[in-house]
Amino acid sequence: SLLGGQRVVLQHFANVLADRAYQPDLSPGELDVLRLIVDGLSNKDIAARLDVGEATVKTHVAHILGKLGVEDRTQAALAAVTRGIIAPR
């Protein structure tokens, strides 16, 4: 039925808005790392760019994944852009 289709569409938009409204409490360092993940940099390259150790980057990545509720870097990058946390360049 048409009404059933409207519900699906409305639910989809409600989910999109909810995702965008959810802004995790990322630290400035985590945001820096997330921006560079979105840019496609490796942990090694992120560490060099930010002048920190690779272990620090790995810690930030683990925190980012947990705070965003995702399982990997690709999902983190996608969530960051779709939720409006990081603007794509």
N, C-alpha and C. Protein backbone atom coordinates (compact mmCIF):
# COMPACT_ATOMS: atom_id res chain seq x y z
N SER A 1 0.84 -1.19 0.00
CA SER A 1 0.00 0.00 0.00
C SER A 1 0.88 1.25 0.00
N LEU A 2 0.30 2.33 -0.43
CA LEU A 2 1.02 3.60 -0.48
C LEU A 2 1.43 4.05 0.91
N LEU A 3 0.54 3.90 1.87
CA LEU A 3 0.86 4.32 3.23
C LEU A 3 2.05 3.54 3.78
N GLY A 4 2.09 2.25 3.49
CA GLY A 4 3.21 1.44 3.94
C GLY A 4 4.53 1.95 3.36
N GLY A 5 4.52 2.34 2.10
CA GLY A 5 5.70 2.88 1.46
C GLY A 5 6.12 4.20 2.08
N GLN A 6 5.16 5.02 2.44
CA GLN A 6 5.47 6.30 3.08
C GLN A 6 6.15 6.07 4.42
N ARG A 7 5.68 5.08 5.16
CA ARG A 7 6.29 4.79 6.46
C ARG A 7 7.76 4.41 6.31
N VAL A 8 8.06 3.61 5.31
CA VAL A 8 9.44 3.19 5.08
C VAL A 8 10.30 4.40 4.75
N VAL A 9 9.81 5.26 3.88
CA VAL A 9 10.57 6.45 3.49
C VAL A 9 10.74 7.37 4.69
N LEU A 10 9.70 7.59 5.45
CA LEU A 10 9.78 8.47 6.62
C LEU A 10 10.74 7.89 7.65
N GLN A 11 10.70 6.59 7.86
CA GLN A 11 11.61 5.96 8.81
C GLN A 11 13.06 6.12 8.35
N HIS A 12 13.29 5.97 7.04
CA HIS A 12 14.63 6.15 6.50
C HIS A 12 15.14 7.56 6.82
N PHE A 13 14.32 8.58 6.56
CA PHE A 13 14.75 9.95 6.83
C PHE A 13 14.92 10.21 8.32
N ALA A 14 14.09 9.60 9.13
CA ALA A 14 14.25 9.74 10.58
C ALA A 14 15.58 9.14 11.02
N ASN A 15 15.95 8.00 10.45
CA ASN A 15 17.23 7.37 10.78
C ASN A 15 18.40 8.24 10.34
N VAL A 16 18.31 8.82 9.14
CA VAL A 16 19.38 9.69 8.64
C VAL A 16 19.54 10.90 9.56
N LEU A 17 18.43 11.51 9.93
CA LEU A 17 18.50 12.69 10.81
C LEU A 17 19.04 12.31 12.19
N ALA A 18 18.67 11.16 12.69
CA ALA A 18 19.17 10.73 13.99
C ALA A 18 20.67 10.51 13.94
N ASP A 19 21.15 9.91 12.86
CA ASP A 19 22.60 9.71 12.69
C ASP A 19 23.32 11.05 12.66
N ARG A 20 22.76 12.00 11.94
CA ARG A 20 23.42 13.30 11.82
C ARG A 20 23.33 14.09 13.13
N ALA A 21 22.29 13.89 13.89
CA ALA A 21 22.13 14.61 15.15
C ALA A 21 23.09 14.09 16.21
N TYR A 22 23.48 12.83 16.10
CA TYR A 22 24.37 12.22 17.09
C TYR A 22 25.80 12.66 16.82
N GLN A 23 26.30 13.51 17.67
CA GLN A 23 27.68 13.97 17.56
C GLN A 23 28.45 13.42 18.74
N PRO A 24 29.31 12.45 18.52
CA PRO A 24 30.06 11.87 19.63
C PRO A 24 31.03 12.89 20.22
N ASP A 25 31.39 12.68 21.45
CA ASP A 25 32.29 13.57 22.16
C ASP A 25 33.73 13.19 21.85
N LEU A 26 34.20 13.62 20.69
CA LEU A 26 35.56 13.31 20.27
C LEU A 26 36.51 14.41 20.75
N SER A 27 37.67 14.00 21.23
CA SER A 27 38.68 14.96 21.67
C SER A 27 39.28 15.65 20.44
N PRO A 28 39.95 16.78 20.65
CA PRO A 28 40.60 17.44 19.51
C PRO A 28 41.59 16.51 18.79
N GLY A 29 42.34 15.72 19.52
CA GLY A 29 43.28 14.78 18.89
C GLY A 29 42.56 13.72 18.09
N GLU A 30 41.44 13.21 18.61
CA GLU A 30 40.65 12.22 17.89
C GLU A 30 40.07 12.82 16.61
N LEU A 31 39.63 14.07 16.68
CA LEU A 31 39.10 14.73 15.49
C LEU A 31 40.19 14.91 14.43
N ASP A 32 41.39 15.26 14.87
CA ASP A 32 42.51 15.39 13.93
C ASP A 32 42.77 14.05 13.23
N VAL A 33 42.80 12.98 14.01
CA VAL A 33 43.04 11.65 13.44
C VAL A 33 41.88 11.27 12.51
N LEU A 34 40.66 11.53 12.92
CA LEU A 34 39.51 11.18 12.09
C LEU A 34 39.53 11.93 10.77
N ARG A 35 39.91 13.20 10.78
CA ARG A 35 40.01 13.96 9.52
C ARG A 35 41.01 13.29 8.57
N LEU A 36 42.11 12.83 9.12
CA LEU A 36 43.14 12.20 8.28
C LEU A 36 42.73 10.80 7.84
N ILE A 37 41.93 10.11 8.65
CA ILE A 37 41.36 8.83 8.23
C ILE A 37 40.44 9.07 7.03
N VAL A 38 39.61 10.11 7.13
CA VAL A 38 38.71 10.46 6.02
C VAL A 38 39.53 10.77 4.76
N ASP A 39 40.70 11.38 4.93
CA ASP A 39 41.58 11.68 3.80
C ASP A 39 42.29 10.45 3.26
N GLY A 40 42.16 9.31 3.97
CA GLY A 40 42.73 8.05 3.48
C GLY A 40 44.14 7.75 3.95
N LEU A 41 44.64 8.47 4.96
CA LEU A 41 45.99 8.24 5.43
C LEU A 41 46.08 7.00 6.33
N SER A 42 47.23 6.34 6.31
CA SER A 42 47.50 5.20 7.18
C SER A 42 47.88 5.71 8.57
N ASN A 43 47.89 4.81 9.54
CA ASN A 43 48.32 5.20 10.89
C ASN A 43 49.72 5.80 10.88
N LYS A 44 50.61 5.17 10.12
CA LYS A 44 51.99 5.66 10.04
C LYS A 44 52.04 7.08 9.48
N ASP A 45 51.28 7.32 8.41
CA ASP A 45 51.24 8.65 7.80
C ASP A 45 50.58 9.68 8.73
N ILE A 46 49.53 9.25 9.44
CA ILE A 46 48.86 10.14 10.40
C ILE A 46 49.84 10.52 11.51
N ALA A 47 50.58 9.54 12.02
CA ALA A 47 51.55 9.80 13.08
C ALA A 47 52.59 10.83 12.62
N ALA A 48 53.09 10.65 11.39
CA ALA A 48 54.09 11.59 10.86
C ALA A 48 53.49 12.98 10.69
N ARG A 49 52.29 13.04 10.16
CA ARG A 49 51.63 14.33 9.92
C ARG A 49 51.38 15.09 11.22
N LEU A 50 50.96 14.34 12.27
CA LEU A 50 50.62 14.99 13.54
C LEU A 50 51.80 15.05 14.51
N ASP A 51 52.93 14.48 14.09
CA ASP A 51 54.14 14.45 14.92
C ASP A 51 53.88 13.79 16.28
N VAL A 52 53.24 12.62 16.21
CA VAL A 52 52.98 11.79 17.39
C VAL A 52 53.41 10.36 17.06
N GLY A 53 53.45 9.52 18.06
CA GLY A 53 53.80 8.12 17.84
C GLY A 53 52.65 7.34 17.22
N GLU A 54 53.02 6.26 16.54
CA GLU A 54 52.00 5.40 15.95
C GLU A 54 51.09 4.80 17.01
N ALA A 55 51.64 4.53 18.19
CA ALA A 55 50.82 3.98 19.29
C ALA A 55 49.74 4.97 19.70
N THR A 56 50.07 6.26 19.69
CA THR A 56 49.08 7.30 20.01
C THR A 56 47.97 7.30 18.98
N VAL A 57 48.33 7.18 17.72
CA VAL A 57 47.32 7.14 16.65
C VAL A 57 46.43 5.92 16.83
N LYS A 58 47.04 4.76 17.12
CA LYS A 58 46.25 3.54 17.31
C LYS A 58 45.27 3.70 18.47
N THR A 59 45.70 4.35 19.54
CA THR A 59 44.81 4.59 20.68
C THR A 59 43.65 5.49 20.26
N HIS A 60 43.96 6.57 19.53
CA HIS A 60 42.90 7.47 19.05
C HIS A 60 41.93 6.72 18.14
N VAL A 61 42.45 5.88 17.24
CA VAL A 61 41.58 5.13 16.33
C VAL A 61 40.65 4.22 17.12
N ALA A 62 41.17 3.54 18.13
CA ALA A 62 40.33 2.66 18.95
C ALA A 62 39.22 3.45 19.63
N HIS A 63 39.56 4.62 20.16
CA HIS A 63 38.55 5.47 20.82
C HIS A 63 37.51 5.96 19.81
N ILE A 64 37.97 6.35 18.63
CA ILE A 64 37.06 6.83 17.58
C ILE A 64 36.07 5.73 17.20
N LEU A 65 36.57 4.52 16.97
CA LEU A 65 35.69 3.41 16.58
C LEU A 65 34.63 3.17 17.65
N GLY A 66 35.06 3.18 18.92
CA GLY A 66 34.11 2.97 20.00
C GLY A 66 33.08 4.08 20.10
N LYS A 67 33.53 5.31 20.01
CA LYS A 67 32.61 6.45 20.13
C LYS A 67 31.64 6.55 18.97
N LEU A 68 32.09 6.16 17.78
CA LEU A 68 31.20 6.19 16.62
C LEU A 68 30.34 4.93 16.52
N GLY A 69 30.70 3.89 17.28
CA GLY A 69 29.95 2.64 17.23
C GLY A 69 30.14 1.91 15.91
N VAL A 70 31.38 1.94 15.39
CA VAL A 70 31.68 1.27 14.13
C VAL A 70 32.81 0.28 14.35
N GLU A 71 33.05 -0.56 13.34
CA GLU A 71 34.01 -1.65 13.51
C GLU A 71 35.36 -1.43 12.84
N ASP A 72 35.41 -0.51 11.86
CA ASP A 72 36.69 -0.31 11.18
C ASP A 72 36.83 1.12 10.69
N ARG A 73 38.01 1.41 10.13
CA ARG A 73 38.34 2.76 9.67
C ARG A 73 37.42 3.22 8.54
N THR A 74 37.08 2.31 7.64
CA THR A 74 36.20 2.67 6.53
C THR A 74 34.84 3.10 7.05
N GLN A 75 34.29 2.33 7.99
CA GLN A 75 33.01 2.69 8.58
C GLN A 75 33.11 4.01 9.35
N ALA A 76 34.25 4.23 10.01
CA ALA A 76 34.46 5.48 10.75
C ALA A 76 34.45 6.67 9.79
N ALA A 77 35.16 6.53 8.67
CA ALA A 77 35.20 7.62 7.68
C ALA A 77 33.80 7.90 7.12
N LEU A 78 33.08 6.84 6.79
CA LEU A 78 31.73 7.00 6.26
C LEU A 78 30.81 7.66 7.29
N ALA A 79 30.88 7.19 8.54
CA ALA A 79 30.06 7.78 9.60
C ALA A 79 30.42 9.24 9.82
N ALA A 80 31.70 9.56 9.79
CA ALA A 80 32.14 10.93 10.03
C ALA A 80 31.56 11.89 8.99
N VAL A 81 31.54 11.45 7.74
CA VAL A 81 31.04 12.31 6.67
C VAL A 81 29.51 12.34 6.67
N THR A 82 28.86 11.18 6.78
CA THR A 82 27.40 11.16 6.71
C THR A 82 26.75 11.82 7.91
N ARG A 83 27.41 11.79 9.05
CA ARG A 83 26.87 12.43 10.26
C ARG A 83 27.26 13.90 10.35
N GLY A 84 28.05 14.36 9.40
CA GLY A 84 28.43 15.76 9.40
C GLY A 84 29.49 16.12 10.42
N ILE A 85 30.22 15.12 10.92
CA ILE A 85 31.29 15.37 11.90
C ILE A 85 32.49 15.96 11.19
N ILE A 86 32.80 15.41 10.01
CA ILE A 86 33.92 15.87 9.20
C ILE A 86 33.37 16.19 7.81
N ALA A 87 33.70 17.37 7.31
CA ALA A 87 33.27 17.74 5.95
C ALA A 87 34.22 17.08 4.95
N PRO A 88 33.68 16.46 3.92
CA PRO A 88 34.56 15.88 2.91
C PRO A 88 35.30 16.99 2.17
N ARG A 89 36.53 16.70 1.75
CA ARG A 89 37.32 17.71 1.03
C ARG A 89 37.31 17.45 -0.45
